[in-house]
C-alpha atoms as a PDB file:
ATOM      1  CA  MET A   1      73.597 -44.118 -37.215  1.00  0.00           C
ATOM      2  CA  THR A   2      72.684 -40.640 -36.058  1.00  0.00           C
ATOM      3  CA  PRO A   3      73.453 -39.387 -32.532  1.00  0.00           C
ATOM      4  CA  THR A   4      69.739 -39.536 -31.708  1.00  0.00           C
ATOM      5  CA  GLN A   5      69.519 -43.147 -32.877  1.00  0.00           C
ATOM      6  CA  LYS A   6      72.569 -44.034 -30.781  1.00  0.00           C
ATOM      7  CA  ARG A   7      71.052 -42.355 -27.716  1.00  0.00           C
ATOM      8  CA  ASN A   8      67.730 -44.150 -28.238  1.00  0.00           C
ATOM      9  CA  LYS A   9      69.533 -47.458 -28.642  1.00  0.00           C
ATOM     10  CA  ARG A  10      71.379 -46.899 -25.333  1.00  0.00           C
ATOM     11  CA  LYS A  11      68.138 -45.967 -23.569  1.00  0.00           C
ATOM     12  CA  PHE A  12      66.405 -49.072 -24.913  1.00  0.00           C
ATOM     13  CA  ALA A  13      69.311 -51.309 -23.846  1.00  0.00           C
ATOM     14  CA  ALA A  14      69.162 -49.786 -20.355  1.00  0.00           C
ATOM     15  CA  THR A  15      65.398 -50.336 -20.244  1.00  0.00           C
ATOM     16  CA  LEU A  16      65.809 -54.010 -21.145  1.00  0.00           C
ATOM     17  CA  LYS A  17      68.531 -54.411 -18.502  1.00  0.00           C
ATOM     18  CA  ASN A  18      66.314 -52.812 -15.849  1.00  0.00           C
ATOM     19  CA  LEU A  19      63.399 -54.994 -16.921  1.00  0.00           C
ATOM     20  CA  SER A  20      65.580 -58.079 -16.536  1.00  0.00           C
ATOM     21  CA  THR A  21      66.475 -56.999 -12.994  1.00  0.00           C
ATOM     22  CA  LEU A  22      62.829 -56.388 -12.129  1.00  0.00           C
ATOM     23  CA  SER A  23      61.906 -59.778 -13.580  1.00  0.00           C
ATOM     24  CA  GLU A  24      64.407 -61.434 -11.252  1.00  0.00           C
ATOM     25  CA  MET A  25      63.233 -59.446  -8.222  1.00  0.00           C
ATOM     26  CA  PHE A  26      59.497 -59.636  -8.939  1.00  0.00           C
ATOM     27  CA  PRO A  27      58.913 -62.704 -11.151  1.00  0.00           C
ATOM     28  CA  LYS A  28      55.127 -62.688 -10.705  1.00  0.00           C
ATOM     29  CA  ALA A  29      54.795 -59.040 -11.693  1.00  0.00           C
ATOM     30  CA  PHE A  30      57.328 -59.229 -14.552  1.00  0.00           C
ATOM     31  CA  PRO A  31      57.182 -62.860 -15.722  1.00  0.00           C
ATOM     32  CA  GLN A  32      59.564 -64.398 -18.217  1.00  0.00           C
ATOM     33  CA  LYS A  33      58.343 -65.352 -21.688  1.00  0.00           C
ATOM     34  CA  GLY A  34      55.894 -68.242 -21.527  1.00  0.00           C
ATOM     35  CA  GLN A  35      54.749 -67.481 -17.983  1.00  0.00           C
ATOM     36  CA  PRO A  36      51.266 -66.086 -17.263  1.00  0.00           C
ATOM     37  CA  LEU A  37      51.162 -62.309 -17.502  1.00  0.00           C
ATOM     38  CA  ILE A  38      48.719 -60.450 -15.241  1.00  0.00           C
ATOM     39  CA  PRO A  39      48.400 -56.661 -15.480  1.00  0.00           C
ATOM     40  CA  LEU A  40      50.057 -54.517 -12.839  1.00  0.00           C
ATOM     41  CA  LYS A  41      48.092 -52.490 -10.339  1.00  0.00           C
ATOM     42  CA  VAL A  42      47.703 -48.775 -10.734  1.00  0.00           C
ATOM     43  CA  GLY A  43      50.466 -47.179  -8.670  1.00  0.00           C
ATOM     44  CA  THR A  44      53.148 -49.753  -9.479  1.00  0.00           C
ATOM     45  CA  ALA A  45      55.571 -46.932 -10.323  1.00  0.00           C
ATOM     46  CA  ASP A  46      55.273 -45.634  -6.750  1.00  0.00           C
ATOM     47  CA  ASP A  47      55.798 -49.156  -5.390  1.00  0.00           C
ATOM     48  CA  LEU A  48      58.928 -49.554  -7.516  1.00  0.00           C
ATOM     49  CA  LYS A  49      60.276 -46.180  -6.348  1.00  0.00           C
ATOM     50  CA  ALA A  50      59.779 -47.261  -2.740  1.00  0.00           C
ATOM     51  CA  GLU A  51      61.490 -50.608  -3.384  1.00  0.00           C
ATOM     52  CA  ALA A  52      64.384 -48.882  -5.157  1.00  0.00           C
ATOM     53  CA  GLN A  53      64.915 -46.637  -2.136  1.00  0.00           C
ATOM     54  CA  ARG A  54      64.517 -49.477   0.355  1.00  0.00           C
ATOM     55  CA  LEU A  55      66.977 -51.722  -1.486  1.00  0.00           C
ATOM     56  CA  GLU A  56      69.258 -48.816  -2.430  1.00  0.00           C
ATOM     57  CA  TRP A  57      69.031 -49.543  -6.147  1.00  0.00           C
ATOM     58  CA  ASP A  58      70.378 -47.104  -8.653  1.00  0.00           C
ATOM     59  CA  LEU A  59      67.033 -46.903 -10.453  1.00  0.00           C
ATOM     60  CA  SER A  60      65.774 -43.419 -11.260  1.00  0.00           C
ATOM     61  CA  GLU A  61      62.161 -42.353 -11.588  1.00  0.00           C
ATOM     62  CA  THR A  62      62.762 -41.902 -15.319  1.00  0.00           C
ATOM     63  CA  ALA A  63      64.154 -45.427 -15.627  1.00  0.00           C
ATOM     64  CA  ILE A  64      61.114 -46.822 -13.809  1.00  0.00           C
ATOM     65  CA  GLN A  65      58.776 -44.915 -16.115  1.00  0.00           C
ATOM     66  CA  ARG A  66      60.613 -46.202 -19.198  1.00  0.00           C
ATOM     67  CA  VAL A  67      60.411 -49.809 -18.028  1.00  0.00           C
ATOM     68  CA  LEU A  68      56.718 -49.548 -17.193  1.00  0.00           C
ATOM     69  CA  SER A  69      55.942 -47.738 -20.439  1.00  0.00           C
ATOM     70  CA  PHE A  70      57.693 -50.469 -22.424  1.00  0.00           C
ATOM     71  CA  TRP A  71      56.168 -53.303 -20.373  1.00  0.00           C
ATOM     72  CA  CYS A  72      52.600 -52.005 -20.382  1.00  0.00           C
ATOM     73  CA  SER A  73      52.418 -50.942 -24.036  1.00  0.00           C
ATOM     74  CA  ARG A  74      53.214 -54.357 -25.511  1.00  0.00           C
ATOM     75  CA  PRO A  75      50.351 -56.141 -27.302  1.00  0.00           C
ATOM     76  CA  ILE A  76      50.711 -59.180 -25.024  1.00  0.00           C
ATOM     77  CA  TYR A  77      50.227 -56.968 -21.958  1.00  0.00           C
ATOM     78  CA  LEU A  78      47.224 -55.267 -23.542  1.00  0.00           C
ATOM     79  CA  LYS A  79      45.761 -58.691 -24.328  1.00  0.00           C
ATOM     80  CA  ALA A  80      46.267 -59.654 -20.668  1.00  0.00           C
ATOM     81  CA  LEU A  81      44.305 -56.533 -19.701  1.00  0.00           C
ATOM     82  CA  GLU A  82      41.486 -57.691 -21.948  1.00  0.00           C
ATOM     83  CA  ARG A  83      41.414 -61.236 -20.545  1.00  0.00           C
ATOM     84  CA  ASN A  84      42.057 -60.858 -16.808  1.00  0.00           C
ATOM     85  CA  SER A  85      39.609 -59.786 -14.130  1.00  0.00           C
ATOM     86  CA  HIS A  86      42.104 -58.092 -11.795  1.00  0.00           C
ATOM     87  CA  ARG A  87      45.540 -56.509 -11.509  1.00  0.00           C
ATOM     88  CA  ILE A  88      48.377 -57.584  -9.215  1.00  0.00           C
ATOM     89  CA  ASP A  89      50.990 -55.935  -7.010  1.00  0.00           C
ATOM     90  CA  LEU A  90      54.738 -56.560  -7.247  1.00  0.00           C
ATOM     91  CA  GLN A  91      54.482 -59.779  -5.226  1.00  0.00           C
ATOM     92  CA  GLY A  92      51.673 -61.150  -7.403  1.00  0.00           C
ATOM     93  CA  ASN A  93      48.880 -60.519  -4.912  1.00  0.00           C
ATOM     94  CA  PRO A  94      45.491 -59.560  -6.370  1.00  0.00           C
ATOM     95  CA  ALA A  95      44.845 -55.825  -6.376  1.00  0.00           C
ATOM     96  CA  GLU A  96      42.047 -53.852  -8.014  1.00  0.00           C
ATOM     97  CA  LEU A  97      39.601 -55.170 -10.599  1.00  0.00           C
ATOM     98  CA  ILE A  98      39.946 -54.289 -14.281  1.00  0.00           C
ATOM     99  CA  SER A  99      36.947 -52.341 -15.549  1.00  0.00           C
ATOM    100  CA  GLN A 100      35.163 -53.036 -18.822  1.00  0.00           C
ATOM    101  CA  GLU A 101      36.250 -49.579 -19.980  1.00  0.00           C
ATOM    102  CA  GLU A 102      39.907 -50.481 -19.356  1.00  0.00           C
ATOM    103  CA  LYS A 103      39.441 -53.743 -21.253  1.00  0.00           C
ATOM    104  CA  GLN A 104      37.898 -51.942 -24.231  1.00  0.00           C
ATOM    105  CA  LEU A 105      40.660 -49.326 -24.276  1.00  0.00           C
ATOM    106  CA  ALA A 106      43.316 -52.067 -24.147  1.00  0.00           C
ATOM    107  CA  LYS A 107      41.669 -53.863 -27.065  1.00  0.00           C
ATOM    108  CA  LYS A 108      41.538 -50.648 -29.088  1.00  0.00           C
ATOM    109  CA  ARG A 109      45.212 -49.834 -28.350  1.00  0.00           C
ATOM    110  CA  ARG A 110      46.320 -53.402 -29.154  1.00  0.00           C
ATOM    111  CA  ARG A 111      44.521 -53.389 -32.498  1.00  0.00           C
ATOM    112  CA  LEU A 112      46.052 -50.018 -33.369  1.00  0.00           C
ATOM    113  CA  ILE A 113      49.567 -51.292 -32.570  1.00  0.00           C
ATOM    114  CA  GLU A 114      48.998 -54.455 -34.599  1.00  0.00           C
ATOM    115  CA  LYS A 115      47.690 -52.406 -37.538  1.00  0.00           C
ATOM    116  CA  GLU A 116      50.720 -50.070 -37.392  1.00  0.00           C
ATOM    117  CA  ARG A 117      53.102 -53.038 -37.278  1.00  0.00           C
ATOM    118  CA  ALA A 118      51.398 -54.666 -40.261  1.00  0.00           C
ATOM    119  CA  GLN A 119      51.683 -51.409 -42.212  1.00  0.00           C
ATOM    120  CA  GLN A 120      55.374 -51.084 -41.306  1.00  0.00           C
ATOM    121  CA  ALA A 121      56.020 -54.677 -42.360  1.00  0.00           C
ATOM    122  CA  ALA A 122      54.213 -54.129 -45.658  1.00  0.00           C
ATOM    123  CA  ALA A 123      56.185 -50.946 -46.317  1.00  0.00           C
ATOM    124  CA  ALA A 124      59.470 -52.697 -45.546  1.00  0.00           C
ATOM    125  CA  ALA A 125      58.704 -55.755 -47.690  1.00  0.00           C
ATOM    126  CA  PRO A 126      60.589 -55.900 -50.972  1.00  0.00           C
ATOM    127  CA  THR A 127      58.473 -55.131 -53.996  1.00  0.00           C
ATOM    128  CA  PRO A 128      58.553 -57.591 -56.883  1.00  0.00           C
ATOM    129  CA  GLU A 129      60.473 -56.433 -59.928  1.00  0.00           C
ATOM    130  CA  ALA A 130      58.366 -55.978 -63.043  1.00  0.00           C
END
């Protein structure tokens, strides 16, 4: 494993750990697998920064951005953007509505991710010997 791969692996492990903490603190905003997922309101990063300061967490702005980037770029999150009418705050309260433009963009991004994953899986699949 290269140094870059090791660094990326550490960053990803830290992101998952931070996500687990956020899921415990804000279960409606960051639900566990199998629970309904509703998209987060615009400005959630600022809300998390404020909570981190208030609760004296050791959670940097970069760490917050990594967690939100990971959380919001998953196909299941993008599908939730397509299907829900509104976003929520950290406590699960309804926030702003989701526009049709946002829904269309989420659908386009989700399909692109799914296509890339299918291509990666096909490339990684063993080829039959002749």
